[in-house]
Amino acid sequence: MSISRRNFLKVSGASAAVLGLGLVGCSGGDDDASSASKLEEIRERGKLNCGVKSDVVGYGFLNTETGEYEGLEIDLCYQIAAAVLDTTYEEAKEQQLCNFTVVTPKTRGPVIDNGQCDIVCATYTITEERQKDWDFSEPYRTDYVGIMVLKNSGITQMSDLVGKLIGVSQGSTTKEAILAMFQEQGIEGEPEFNEYPDYPSINSALESGNIDAFAMDRSTLNTYMNDQKQLVQPEIEFGAQEYGVATYKDSDLSQVVDDTVNELLENGWLEQEAEDWNLL
């Protein structure tokens, strides 16, 4: 790159309020909430408030042995904090310049709306509907939906799931992705669905026999995979999930977040992170 990372991010921060370009779902609003400077608010606070997962290994996971959050998305939060607070990534981590709040698929949007979190970096899939309410960065990771079953269930093909009960997460796009895949595969009939508030609840329901399958992004399923479980026809890739960092609609923070993600894509940092965290 022709300019240093720190200088690049200084330029991004200074121009964030006027650029308004390149964001997924960003448009120029002029209401009081969006015109207030989110960047100034964060800089006065001295820390970035981040909504993250605590139960997705490799993305956002609370290590109970160390009491620390870890994963690609946690590291990405520190990169964004470094950009906003004009410091280095290493210093942001050392000084713990991120406050983490655990979010679920159902609470990811509300914590941005009520100001509890500045960003949400929590395997948050970019959709047209969500883009109406929040800004999203360029996708930093693409995943696919998977369907996990117990090996002794007798379920080996997608068609075996007709009439079966699949557990999905509240507020996710998983159900729609499965139904669309059934149509694309020409499978007659449909499965039934139960919604759960969190991933551990779905996994417990699967292991106790209350549901026949656990469906979610493959990155999430990897957290709960063991020798007794398997994915149904993993060669069928469907329901592409592009993850983006969400911010308050039309805030001056959005451009800085997008610039940071784009830089980390271009310089290979995100690719290296995915390798370091053994992501699927």
Protein backbone atom coordinates (compact mmCIF):
# COMPACT_ATOMS: atom_id res chain seq x y z
CA MET A 1 0.00 0.00 0.00
CA SER A 2 1.18 3.52 -0.75
CA ILE A 3 0.30 4.93 2.69
CA SER A 4 0.71 3.45 6.13
CA ARG A 5 -2.18 1.70 7.82
CA ARG A 6 -2.39 4.39 10.52
CA ASN A 7 -2.43 7.22 7.97
CA PHE A 8 -4.98 5.35 5.88
CA LEU A 9 -7.29 5.01 8.83
CA LYS A 10 -6.82 8.64 9.85
CA VAL A 11 -8.00 9.66 6.40
CA SER A 12 -10.94 7.26 6.66
CA GLY A 13 -11.98 8.63 10.04
CA ALA A 14 -11.71 12.23 8.98
CA SER A 15 -13.78 11.74 5.86
CA ALA A 16 -16.31 9.27 7.22
CA ALA A 17 -19.10 11.76 7.67
CA VAL A 18 -18.96 13.01 4.07
CA LEU A 19 -17.99 10.02 1.97
CA GLY A 20 -21.02 7.76 2.49
CA LEU A 21 -19.79 5.52 -0.34
CA GLY A 22 -19.03 1.82 -0.69
CA LEU A 23 -21.16 0.68 2.23
CA VAL A 24 -23.56 -2.18 1.89
CA GLY A 25 -26.93 -0.61 2.56
CA CYS A 26 -25.72 2.88 3.48
CA SER A 27 -27.71 5.92 2.41
CA GLY A 28 -27.58 9.57 3.34
CA GLY A 29 -30.07 10.41 6.09
CA ASP A 30 -30.38 13.69 7.97
CA ASP A 31 -32.36 12.82 11.08
CA ASP A 32 -31.05 13.89 14.49
CA ALA A 33 -29.93 10.39 15.51
CA SER A 34 -27.86 9.75 12.40
CA SER A 35 -26.39 13.27 12.27
CA ALA A 36 -24.87 12.97 15.75
CA SER A 37 -21.22 11.95 15.53
CA LYS A 38 -20.80 8.35 16.59
CA LEU A 39 -17.05 8.69 16.14
CA GLU A 40 -16.86 11.57 18.63
CA GLU A 41 -18.98 9.63 21.11
CA ILE A 42 -16.66 6.61 20.95
CA ARG A 43 -13.51 8.71 21.17
CA GLU A 44 -14.82 10.53 24.23
CA ARG A 45 -15.65 7.18 25.82
CA GLY A 46 -12.27 5.73 24.89
CA LYS A 47 -13.58 2.27 24.02
CA LEU A 48 -15.59 0.61 21.27
CA ASN A 49 -18.76 -1.18 22.39
CA CYS A 50 -19.10 -4.39 20.40
CA GLY A 51 -21.89 -6.94 20.10
CA VAL A 52 -20.34 -10.40 19.63
CA LYS A 53 -21.06 -14.09 19.96
CA SER A 54 -19.75 -16.10 22.89
CA ASP A 55 -20.50 -19.60 21.62
CA VAL A 56 -19.14 -19.81 18.06
CA VAL A 57 -15.65 -21.29 18.07
CA GLY A 58 -13.28 -19.44 15.75
CA TYR A 59 -15.56 -16.41 15.41
CA GLY A 60 -16.70 -15.20 18.81
CA PHE A 61 -16.11 -17.51 21.76
CA LEU A 62 -15.77 -16.92 25.50
CA ASN A 63 -12.90 -19.05 26.72
CA THR A 64 -13.98 -20.07 30.22
CA GLU A 65 -10.42 -20.99 31.18
CA THR A 66 -9.01 -17.54 30.45
CA GLY A 67 -12.17 -15.48 30.80
CA GLU A 68 -11.30 -13.84 27.47
CA TYR A 69 -13.22 -13.57 24.21
CA GLU A 70 -11.43 -14.98 21.19
CA GLY A 71 -11.92 -15.59 17.48
CA LEU A 72 -11.75 -13.83 14.14
CA GLU A 73 -14.63 -11.49 14.94
CA ILE A 74 -13.09 -10.51 18.27
CA ASP A 75 -9.84 -9.65 16.53
CA LEU A 76 -11.77 -7.71 13.89
CA CYS A 77 -13.41 -5.65 16.64
CA TYR A 78 -9.95 -4.68 17.89
CA GLN A 79 -8.92 -3.70 14.37
CA ILE A 80 -11.95 -1.41 14.14
CA ALA A 81 -11.25 0.01 17.60
CA ALA A 82 -7.68 0.78 16.48
CA ALA A 83 -9.02 2.61 13.44
CA VAL A 84 -11.53 4.68 15.40
CA LEU A 85 -9.24 5.48 18.32
CA ASP A 86 -6.15 6.14 16.19
CA THR A 87 -3.90 3.48 17.63
CA THR A 88 -2.42 0.19 16.50
CA TYR A 89 -4.16 -3.17 16.54
CA GLU A 90 -1.61 -4.46 19.04
CA GLU A 91 -2.16 -1.52 21.36
CA ALA A 92 -5.94 -1.87 21.08
CA LYS A 93 -5.71 -5.49 22.22
CA GLU A 94 -3.17 -4.79 24.95
CA GLN A 95 -5.22 -1.90 26.34
CA GLN A 96 -8.50 -3.82 25.84
CA LEU A 97 -10.14 -0.98 23.95
CA CYS A 98 -13.26 -3.05 23.24
CA ASN A 99 -16.22 -3.66 25.54
CA PHE A 100 -17.99 -6.89 24.57
CA THR A 101 -21.71 -7.58 24.86
CA VAL A 102 -23.02 -11.04 23.99
CA VAL A 103 -25.77 -10.93 21.37
CA THR A 104 -28.11 -13.48 19.85
CA PRO A 105 -29.71 -13.43 16.38
CA LYS A 106 -32.76 -11.83 17.98
CA THR A 107 -30.90 -9.06 19.82
CA ARG A 108 -28.25 -8.05 17.27
CA GLY A 109 -30.28 -5.22 15.73
CA PRO A 110 -31.84 -3.84 18.93
CA VAL A 111 -28.47 -3.35 20.67
CA ILE A 112 -27.46 -1.02 17.83
CA ASP A 113 -30.78 0.83 17.87
CA ASN A 114 -30.72 1.46 21.61
CA GLY A 115 -27.09 2.57 21.59
CA GLN A 116 -25.79 -0.29 23.74
CA CYS A 117 -23.37 -1.32 21.00
CA ASP A 118 -21.52 0.75 18.40
CA ILE A 119 -20.99 -2.25 16.14
CA VAL A 120 -22.26 -5.80 15.90
CA CYS A 121 -19.71 -8.31 14.62
CA ALA A 122 -21.46 -11.60 15.27
CA THR A 123 -21.87 -13.82 12.19
CA TYR A 124 -24.48 -11.26 11.07
CA THR A 125 -25.70 -12.13 7.59
CA ILE A 126 -26.27 -9.23 5.21
CA THR A 127 -29.80 -9.25 3.76
CA GLU A 128 -31.79 -6.68 1.83
CA GLU A 129 -34.30 -6.46 4.66
CA ARG A 130 -31.63 -5.78 7.28
CA GLN A 131 -29.96 -3.20 5.05
CA LYS A 132 -33.07 -1.07 5.38
CA ASP A 133 -32.42 -0.67 9.11
CA TRP A 134 -28.65 -0.83 9.57
CA ASP A 135 -25.45 -0.21 7.65
CA PHE A 136 -23.28 -3.21 6.85
CA SER A 137 -19.63 -3.33 5.89
CA GLU A 138 -18.27 -5.20 2.92
CA PRO A 139 -18.61 -8.93 3.72
CA TYR A 140 -15.61 -10.16 5.67
CA ARG A 141 -16.55 -13.84 5.48
CA THR A 142 -18.92 -16.10 3.50
CA ASP A 143 -20.39 -19.23 5.02
CA TYR A 144 -23.12 -21.71 4.06
CA VAL A 145 -26.01 -23.26 5.93
CA GLY A 146 -25.53 -26.81 7.17
CA ILE A 147 -27.87 -29.39 8.68
CA MET A 148 -26.42 -31.54 11.45
CA VAL A 149 -27.92 -34.83 12.63
CA LEU A 150 -26.95 -37.71 14.88
CA LYS A 151 -25.21 -40.45 12.94
CA ASN A 152 -27.62 -43.06 14.26
CA SER A 153 -30.66 -41.09 13.08
CA GLY A 154 -30.81 -42.79 9.71
CA ILE A 155 -30.90 -39.38 8.01
CA THR A 156 -28.33 -39.35 5.21
CA GLN A 157 -30.00 -37.33 2.44
CA MET A 158 -31.88 -34.05 2.33
CA SER A 159 -35.03 -35.87 1.26
CA ASP A 160 -34.90 -37.85 4.52
CA LEU A 161 -35.72 -34.59 6.33
CA VAL A 162 -39.25 -34.35 4.88
CA GLY A 163 -41.62 -34.30 7.85
CA LYS A 164 -38.73 -34.19 10.32
CA LEU A 165 -38.31 -31.50 12.98
CA ILE A 166 -35.39 -29.11 12.49
CA GLY A 167 -34.21 -26.74 15.21
CA VAL A 168 -33.23 -23.23 14.11
CA SER A 169 -32.31 -20.01 15.87
CA GLN A 170 -34.81 -17.23 16.46
CA GLY A 171 -34.27 -14.29 14.13
CA SER A 172 -32.05 -16.21 11.71
CA THR A 173 -32.51 -16.74 7.96
CA THR A 174 -31.94 -20.50 8.20
CA LYS A 175 -35.53 -21.69 7.75
CA GLU A 176 -35.99 -19.73 4.53
CA ALA A 177 -32.65 -21.02 3.19
CA ILE A 178 -33.66 -24.65 3.81
CA LEU A 179 -37.05 -24.26 2.16
CA ALA A 180 -35.43 -22.61 -0.87
CA MET A 181 -32.89 -25.45 -1.09
CA PHE A 182 -35.67 -28.06 -1.00
CA GLN A 183 -37.30 -26.36 -3.96
CA GLU A 184 -34.01 -26.12 -5.87
CA GLN A 185 -33.32 -29.82 -5.24
CA GLY A 186 -36.82 -30.77 -6.38
CA ILE A 187 -37.65 -32.40 -3.04
CA GLU A 188 -41.36 -32.90 -2.49
CA GLY A 189 -42.65 -32.05 0.97
CA GLU A 190 -41.08 -29.96 3.71
CA PRO A 191 -39.58 -30.37 7.17
CA GLU A 192 -41.06 -28.75 10.27
CA PHE A 193 -39.22 -26.19 12.36
CA ASN A 194 -38.79 -25.25 16.01
CA GLU A 195 -37.15 -21.93 16.91
CA TYR A 196 -34.82 -21.62 19.90
CA PRO A 197 -33.29 -18.59 21.66
CA ASP A 198 -29.68 -19.79 21.44
CA TYR A 199 -27.43 -22.42 19.93
CA PRO A 200 -26.79 -24.50 23.07
CA SER A 201 -30.57 -24.96 23.40
CA ILE A 202 -30.80 -26.33 19.86
CA ASN A 203 -27.85 -28.65 20.43
CA SER A 204 -29.37 -29.95 23.67
CA ALA A 205 -32.67 -30.55 21.88
CA LEU A 206 -30.86 -32.57 19.21
CA GLU A 207 -28.90 -34.66 21.68
CA SER A 208 -32.01 -35.35 23.78
CA GLY A 209 -34.05 -36.39 20.74
CA ASN A 210 -36.53 -33.51 20.88
CA ILE A 211 -35.60 -32.51 17.33
CA ASP A 212 -34.22 -34.48 14.40
CA ALA A 213 -31.70 -31.95 13.11
CA PHE A 214 -29.85 -28.75 14.02
CA ALA A 215 -29.57 -26.25 11.16
CA MET A 216 -27.41 -23.12 11.17
CA ASP A 217 -24.35 -21.64 9.48
CA ARG A 218 -21.66 -24.29 9.20
CA SER A 219 -19.27 -22.21 11.28
CA THR A 220 -21.72 -22.44 14.17
CA LEU A 221 -22.36 -26.14 13.71
CA ASN A 222 -18.61 -26.78 13.84
CA THR A 223 -18.71 -25.72 17.50
CA TYR A 224 -21.05 -28.60 18.33
CA MET A 225 -19.73 -31.28 15.99
CA ASN A 226 -18.41 -34.52 17.47
CA ASP A 227 -17.97 -38.20 16.56
CA GLN A 228 -21.70 -38.89 17.05
CA LYS A 229 -22.85 -36.20 14.59
CA GLN A 230 -22.56 -35.45 10.90
CA LEU A 231 -23.68 -32.98 8.27
CA VAL A 232 -26.35 -34.07 5.81
CA GLN A 233 -24.97 -34.00 2.25
CA PRO A 234 -22.32 -31.33 2.92
CA GLU A 235 -21.55 -31.28 -0.80
CA ILE A 236 -24.80 -29.34 -1.31
CA GLU A 237 -23.80 -25.75 -0.66
CA PHE A 238 -26.83 -23.55 -0.10
CA GLY A 239 -27.93 -20.46 1.76
CA ALA A 240 -24.73 -18.48 1.30
CA GLN A 241 -24.30 -16.28 4.37
CA GLU A 242 -22.22 -13.15 3.83
CA TYR A 243 -21.18 -11.75 7.20
CA GLY A 244 -20.84 -7.99 7.63
CA VAL A 245 -20.18 -5.64 10.53
CA ALA A 246 -23.40 -3.76 11.34
CA THR A 247 -23.56 -0.15 12.50
CA TYR A 248 -26.23 2.49 13.12
CA LYS A 249 -27.85 3.60 9.88
CA ASP A 250 -26.10 6.57 8.24
CA SER A 251 -23.69 7.12 11.15
CA ASP A 252 -20.20 8.50 10.52
CA LEU A 253 -18.82 5.32 12.07
CA SER A 254 -20.09 3.22 9.15
CA GLN A 255 -17.54 4.41 6.61
CA VAL A 256 -14.60 3.84 8.96
CA VAL A 257 -15.80 0.30 9.61
CA ASP A 258 -16.20 -0.38 5.89
CA ASP A 259 -12.78 1.09 5.06
CA THR A 260 -11.17 -1.04 7.75
CA VAL A 261 -12.78 -4.26 6.54
CA ASN A 262 -11.81 -3.51 2.94
CA GLU A 263 -8.22 -2.84 3.92
CA LEU A 264 -8.04 -6.09 5.89
CA LEU A 265 -9.45 -7.99 2.91
CA GLU A 266 -6.95 -6.41 0.54
CA ASN A 267 -3.86 -6.96 2.68
CA GLY A 268 -4.71 -10.60 3.46
CA TRP A 269 -5.20 -10.15 7.21
CA LEU A 270 -8.70 -11.64 7.21
CA GLU A 271 -7.59 -14.60 5.12
CA GLN A 272 -4.78 -15.27 7.57
CA GLU A 273 -7.18 -14.96 10.51
CA ALA A 274 -9.49 -17.56 8.97
CA GLU A 275 -6.53 -19.91 8.64
CA ASP A 276 -5.30 -19.21 12.16
CA TRP A 277 -8.73 -19.96 13.65
CA ASN A 278 -9.23 -23.11 11.52
CA LEU A 279 -12.49 -21.90 10.03
CA LEU A 280 -14.40 -24.07 7.59
